[in-house]
Each structure stands twice: as C-alpha cells, then as structure tokens.
Protein backbone atom coordinates (compact mmCIF):
# COMPACT_ATOMS: atom_id res chain seq x y z
CA UNK A 1 11.42 16.06 73.28
CA UNK A 2 8.38 13.79 73.30
CA UNK A 3 8.86 10.20 72.21
CA UNK A 4 7.01 9.43 68.94
CA UNK A 5 3.85 7.33 69.19
CA UNK A 6 5.67 4.55 67.30
CA UNK A 7 9.31 3.55 66.95
CA UNK A 8 10.74 0.98 64.56
CA UNK A 9 13.41 -1.70 64.43
CA UNK A 10 14.87 -2.99 61.15
CA UNK A 11 15.88 -6.64 61.24
CA UNK A 12 17.75 -8.90 58.84
CA UNK A 13 16.71 -12.51 58.22
CA UNK A 14 19.89 -13.40 56.33
CA UNK A 15 20.94 -16.36 58.53
CA UNK A 16 19.66 -18.58 61.33
CA UNK A 17 21.24 -16.50 64.08
CA UNK A 18 19.38 -13.40 62.95
CA UNK A 19 16.19 -15.38 62.50
CA UNK A 20 16.58 -16.68 66.04
CA UNK A 21 16.77 -13.09 67.30
CA UNK A 22 13.47 -12.38 65.54
CA UNK A 23 11.90 -15.56 66.92
CA UNK A 24 12.91 -14.48 70.42
CA UNK A 25 11.30 -11.07 69.95
CA UNK A 26 7.93 -12.57 69.05
CA UNK A 27 8.01 -15.84 71.01
CA UNK A 28 10.04 -15.06 74.14
CA UNK A 29 9.47 -11.28 74.19
CA UNK A 30 13.20 -10.58 74.39
CA UNK A 31 15.43 -8.13 72.54
CA UNK A 32 19.18 -7.73 72.34
CA UNK A 33 20.95 -4.78 73.96
CA UNK A 34 24.18 -4.23 72.03
CA UNK A 35 27.57 -3.29 73.46
CA UNK A 36 29.87 -0.63 72.08
CA UNK A 37 31.90 -3.04 69.93
CA UNK A 38 28.74 -4.31 68.18
CA UNK A 39 28.02 -0.99 66.49
CA UNK A 40 29.24 -0.21 62.98
CA UNK A 41 30.34 3.30 63.97
CA UNK A 42 33.82 3.49 65.57
CA UNK A 43 32.85 6.84 67.10
CA UNK A 44 30.16 5.34 69.35
CA UNK A 45 30.18 6.86 72.87
CA UNK A 46 32.85 9.26 71.64
CA UNK A 47 33.65 12.28 73.83
CA UNK A 48 36.39 14.80 74.53
CA UNK A 49 37.77 14.34 78.06
CA UNK A 50 38.57 17.38 80.17
CA UNK A 51 40.19 17.77 83.58
CA UNK A 52 39.92 21.55 83.76
CA UNK A 53 38.91 22.74 87.23
CA UNK A 54 39.92 25.06 90.03
CA UNK A 55 42.38 23.81 92.62
CA UNK A 56 39.61 23.73 95.23
CA UNK A 57 37.38 21.64 92.97
CA UNK A 58 40.16 19.16 92.23
CA UNK A 59 40.94 18.77 95.93
CA UNK A 60 37.24 18.34 96.74
CA UNK A 61 36.71 15.58 94.15
CA UNK A 62 40.01 13.84 94.95
CA UNK A 63 39.05 13.85 98.65
CA UNK A 64 35.69 12.22 97.81
CA UNK A 65 37.55 9.55 95.86
CA UNK A 66 39.80 8.88 98.86
CA UNK A 67 36.74 8.51 101.07
CA UNK A 68 35.08 6.09 98.64
CA UNK A 69 38.16 3.86 98.88
CA UNK A 70 38.36 4.29 102.66
CA UNK A 71 34.81 4.57 104.06
CA UNK A 72 36.10 5.11 107.61
CA UNK A 73 38.11 8.18 106.60
CA UNK A 74 36.65 11.43 107.92
CA UNK A 75 35.88 14.26 105.50
CA UNK A 76 38.48 16.56 107.06
CA UNK A 77 41.20 13.89 106.89
CA UNK A 78 40.41 13.14 103.27
CA UNK A 79 40.56 16.81 102.34
CA UNK A 80 43.87 17.26 104.20
CA UNK A 81 45.40 14.25 102.43
CA UNK A 82 44.10 15.43 99.05
CA UNK A 83 45.59 18.89 99.68
CA UNK A 84 48.99 17.39 100.57
CA UNK A 85 48.94 15.20 97.46
CA UNK A 86 48.03 18.11 95.22
CA UNK A 87 50.77 20.38 96.60
CA UNK A 88 53.60 17.88 97.04
CA UNK A 89 52.99 15.28 94.27
CA UNK A 90 51.08 16.61 91.26
CA UNK A 91 51.86 13.33 89.48
CA UNK A 92 49.59 11.46 91.91
CA UNK A 93 46.64 13.56 90.78
CA UNK A 94 47.55 13.18 87.11
CA UNK A 95 47.77 9.40 87.44
CA UNK A 96 44.43 9.37 89.21
CA UNK A 97 42.88 11.40 86.38
CA UNK A 98 44.18 8.97 83.77
CA UNK A 99 42.93 6.04 85.80
CA UNK A 100 39.46 7.60 85.98
CA UNK A 101 39.51 8.01 82.20
CA UNK A 102 40.59 4.39 81.70
CA UNK A 103 37.90 3.05 84.04
CA UNK A 104 35.24 5.18 82.35
CA UNK A 105 36.18 3.78 78.93
CA UNK A 106 36.04 0.27 80.37
CA UNK A 107 32.55 0.93 81.70
CA UNK A 108 31.42 2.21 78.30
CA UNK A 109 32.87 -0.89 76.63
CA UNK A 110 31.58 -3.54 79.02
CA UNK A 111 28.71 -2.21 81.14
CA UNK A 112 26.49 -0.30 78.72
CA UNK A 113 23.78 -1.98 76.65
CA UNK A 114 21.84 -0.16 73.92
CA UNK A 115 18.63 -1.07 72.11
CA UNK A 116 18.43 1.11 69.00
CA UNK A 117 15.18 2.18 67.35
CA UNK A 118 14.23 4.71 64.69
CA UNK A 119 11.44 7.15 63.87
CA UNK A 120 11.36 6.01 60.25
CA UNK A 121 9.82 2.92 58.68
CA UNK A 122 10.42 3.75 55.01
CA UNK A 123 14.01 4.93 54.79
CA UNK A 124 15.60 3.20 51.79
CA UNK A 125 19.13 3.42 53.24
CA UNK A 126 18.17 1.76 56.51
CA UNK A 127 16.26 -0.93 54.64
CA UNK A 128 19.49 -1.54 52.71
CA UNK A 129 21.89 -1.41 55.67
CA UNK A 130 19.92 -3.02 58.49
CA UNK A 131 17.34 -5.21 56.75
CA UNK A 132 19.58 -7.13 54.35
CA UNK A 133 19.05 -5.02 51.22
CA UNK A 134 15.26 -4.91 51.66
CA UNK A 135 15.02 -8.69 52.25
CA UNK A 136 14.31 -8.31 55.97
CA UNK A 137 11.57 -6.68 58.03
CA UNK A 138 10.78 -3.54 59.99
CA UNK A 139 9.02 -4.02 63.35
CA UNK A 140 6.78 -1.36 64.87
CA UNK A 141 6.74 -0.81 68.64
CA UNK A 142 3.70 1.07 69.90
CA UNK A 143 2.76 1.33 73.60
CA UNK A 144 -0.90 0.77 74.41
CA UNK A 145 -0.71 -0.24 78.08
CA UNK A 146 0.91 1.19 81.20
CA UNK A 147 3.29 -1.77 81.32
CA UNK A 148 4.55 -0.83 77.84
CA UNK A 149 5.21 2.75 78.91
CA UNK A 150 7.83 1.76 81.48
CA UNK A 151 9.97 0.24 78.73
CA UNK A 152 9.08 2.38 75.72
CA UNK A 153 9.40 5.84 77.27
CA UNK A 154 12.95 5.20 78.41
CA UNK A 155 13.97 5.89 74.82
CA UNK A 156 16.29 8.88 74.34
CA UNK A 157 16.52 10.79 71.09
CA UNK A 158 20.03 10.72 69.65
CA UNK A 159 21.59 14.15 69.22
CA UNK A 160 23.48 15.00 66.02
CA UNK A 161 25.39 18.25 66.74
CA UNK A 162 25.53 20.64 63.81
CA UNK A 163 29.21 21.41 64.45
CA UNK A 164 29.93 17.64 64.33
CA UNK A 165 31.85 17.86 67.61
CA UNK A 166 31.53 15.19 70.32
CA UNK A 167 30.42 16.25 73.81
CA UNK A 168 33.05 17.36 76.27
CA UNK A 169 33.12 15.39 79.51
CA UNK A 170 34.74 17.15 82.44
CA UNK A 171 35.68 14.53 85.00
CA UNK A 172 35.59 17.03 87.83
CA UNK A 173 32.00 18.05 87.05
CA UNK A 174 30.78 14.56 86.16
CA UNK A 175 30.00 13.69 89.78
CA UNK A 176 27.65 16.70 90.07
CA UNK A 177 25.17 15.22 87.58
CA UNK A 178 26.33 11.80 86.32
CA UNK A 179 23.06 11.01 84.51
CA UNK A 180 23.26 14.14 82.38
CA UNK A 181 26.87 13.47 81.41
CA UNK A 182 26.20 9.81 80.66
CA UNK A 183 23.28 10.71 78.39
CA UNK A 184 25.47 13.14 76.47
CA UNK A 185 28.12 10.47 75.85
CA UNK A 186 25.72 7.65 75.03
CA UNK A 187 23.23 9.49 72.85
CA UNK A 188 25.36 11.76 70.67
CA UNK A 189 26.48 10.76 67.19
CA UNK A 190 28.13 12.37 64.18
CA UNK A 191 25.94 14.57 61.98
CA UNK A 192 26.40 12.04 59.14
CA UNK A 193 23.99 9.68 60.93
CA UNK A 194 21.15 12.19 61.27
CA UNK A 195 19.14 10.49 58.52
CA UNK A 196 18.60 7.51 60.86
CA UNK A 197 16.44 9.44 63.34
CA UNK A 198 17.67 7.14 66.08
CA UNK A 199 16.24 6.68 69.57
CA UNK A 200 18.01 4.60 72.21
CA UNK A 201 16.97 2.66 75.27
CA UNK A 202 20.12 2.50 77.39
CA UNK A 203 20.84 -0.01 80.15
CA UNK A 204 23.78 0.88 82.40
CA UNK A 205 22.75 -1.47 85.21
CA UNK A 206 22.52 -4.83 83.48
CA UNK A 207 24.80 -4.10 80.53
CA UNK A 208 24.66 -5.76 77.09
CA UNK A 209 22.63 -8.91 76.45
CA UNK A 210 19.05 -10.13 76.23
CA UNK A 211 16.33 -8.15 77.97
CA UNK A 212 12.63 -8.82 78.34
CA UNK A 213 10.10 -6.48 76.77
CA UNK A 214 6.40 -6.26 77.65
CA UNK A 215 4.08 -8.56 75.71
CA UNK A 216 1.92 -6.78 73.16
CA UNK A 217 4.38 -3.94 72.55
CA UNK A 218 4.86 -5.01 68.90
CA UNK A 219 1.94 -3.69 66.83
CA UNK A 220 2.94 -4.29 63.19
CA UNK A 221 5.56 -5.75 60.88
CA UNK A 222 6.56 -4.40 57.47
CA UNK A 223 7.87 -6.98 55.01
CA UNK A 224 10.80 -5.86 52.90
CA UNK A 225 10.30 -5.29 49.18
CA UNK A 226 12.62 -8.22 48.38
CA UNK A 227 11.67 -10.58 51.20
CA UNK A 228 11.97 -14.29 50.38
CA UNK A 229 8.78 -16.35 50.41
CA UNK A 230 10.13 -18.65 53.14
CA UNK A 231 10.97 -15.64 55.34
CA UNK A 232 7.54 -14.16 54.71
CA UNK A 233 5.99 -17.45 55.83
CA UNK A 234 8.15 -17.43 58.97
CA UNK A 235 6.98 -13.92 59.91
CA UNK A 236 3.34 -14.81 59.27
CA UNK A 237 3.70 -17.81 61.57
CA UNK A 238 5.42 -15.86 64.34
CA UNK A 239 2.94 -12.98 64.26
CA UNK A 240 -0.09 -15.27 64.19
CA UNK A 241 0.84 -16.71 67.59
CA UNK A 242 1.67 -13.33 69.20
CA UNK A 243 -0.55 -12.56 72.23
CA UNK A 244 -2.05 -9.45 70.58
CA UNK A 245 -3.00 -8.79 66.92
CA UNK A 246 -0.16 -7.67 64.63
CA UNK A 247 -0.85 -5.85 61.37
CA UNK A 248 1.25 -6.93 58.40
CA UNK A 249 2.40 -4.45 55.76
CA UNK A 250 4.39 -4.81 52.56
CA UNK A 251 7.01 -2.32 51.36
CA UNK A 252 6.71 -1.53 47.65
CA UNK A 253 8.56 0.77 45.28
CA UNK A 254 6.58 3.97 44.73
CA UNK A 255 6.05 4.44 41.04
CA UNK A 256 7.98 7.40 39.63
CA UNK A 257 10.02 8.05 42.81
CA UNK A 258 13.09 6.86 44.69
CA UNK A 259 10.77 6.07 47.57
CA UNK A 260 8.94 3.25 49.28
CA UNK A 261 5.26 3.06 50.01
CA UNK A 262 3.95 0.87 52.80
CA UNK A 263 0.79 -1.04 51.95
CA UNK A 264 -1.35 -3.09 54.30
CA UNK A 265 -1.58 -6.79 53.49
CA UNK A 266 -5.09 -8.25 53.43
C-alpha cells in the first residue's frame, strides 16, 4: 500500500518534558522512537508462537544454531549433532525453543524503536487521547525532497485483522524471511485501534531513543481547539525559526456536527 502524501503526529504540551520533545522536533530535528513499554496498549508486538515443523526442518534449523555458536563447526558435523540431540534428548530441543522465544521477547522489549504517525488530522478521539484533550497540536510531515523520502517512506501501515487474532510466528520458518515475520509482529494491532489509521517507522538497529529527521520534513502545524495562549505563542515562535515555511492551522468545532474543521490561520 502506498504511503499517504502526508502523515501526522499528535503532541501534548501538558508539561515541560512534552514541550521539550516538541522543541527538539522543530529546533534539533529529532523525534522519539518509543519502546514497547511506552505504548498504552499491553498487546503491542503481540503474536502467537509456534514450533510446528517437520523433523528434518527442526534438525536443519537447530544445526544452523549450533554453527552460529561454533563458527568452526562444519555443516555435516552440526547436522549430525543436531540429529543426535533430537533423537536422544528431546528436552534439549524444547529448552532451545523456549530460549529462542525468551530472547525474541527480550529483543522486542529492548531493541525495537517505533515512531508512530497517523493518516488523520481531525480525529476527535486522537485529539483527546494524544493531544491533551485538544490542548495540544497535530504536526504534519510531508516529504518534498529526496532526503525526506529516505525517512518518510520507511513508514509501514499498521494492520488490524478482522478476526482480531494476532499473527502466528513459527520459529522454524522465521529464519527463511525474518523481515516479513518482524513486520507482522511489529505492525499488527487489535481491530479496536483501527480508527487511528496508524503508520509506523520501525528501527530495529538502533532501538528506542532520539533519532534525527531531515530538516524541512514538517510542513504544517494544527493548533488544538483548546490550546492555551502561551502554548500557541510557543508554537508560533518555534515554527517561525524553522528552516522552511510552516503553515499554521486552527482546529475548530464544526457547527451542527460532532466533527472538527481545520482552518488556516492568517
């Protein structure tokens, strides 16, 4: 699926720490990649583990694991040792499977960073949940240069399965296409969250923490319907010193509807 021409980030300005994050986005061109524990959904990176495989497949993968621990071990020796372990001590294989599962969970917890964005700029629930009850802002990211593309087009659309079932991860097939399996785990959420229209930029190399973004990637800011005057002034100051022009909008209640309308500020 093609990435939308614009993606959005809701931000709260409720305390100095959150304001500092916003200052860093505009002044230092840095954003925060969150770790698993930072998310409000306990089902983040949820999956159903599976160790179903043929005997030959189990021996093949176990032999590869033995070789990775002992680089000097020949392929034939590794396969012979894996075959002996499988036939004489099934518990060895079972313990290895559980260890793989434990290490994979540890990697998800500690080594994965996620920068979440959304397709929607006018969702009243997200304004309430992520922008301090409409007192915060919504930032638009729009790529206009090749440098922007390298960051922006990494975004993956989150999948919300209609059966509300997490992806199944078979640890004996994982090695065949690790990127595909990782994407399934990291970009699937419960159907309840579908209204968010989330896209994710995922960093499995550097993990959680601050990351640089290209200058000029931010194209507009929408001020929340209830934004405080002091916070409005802060945003006007930050955007005025940004290296490229930023358009300022104001969210207003649409007369006669439970909806917002986004109006450009003169």
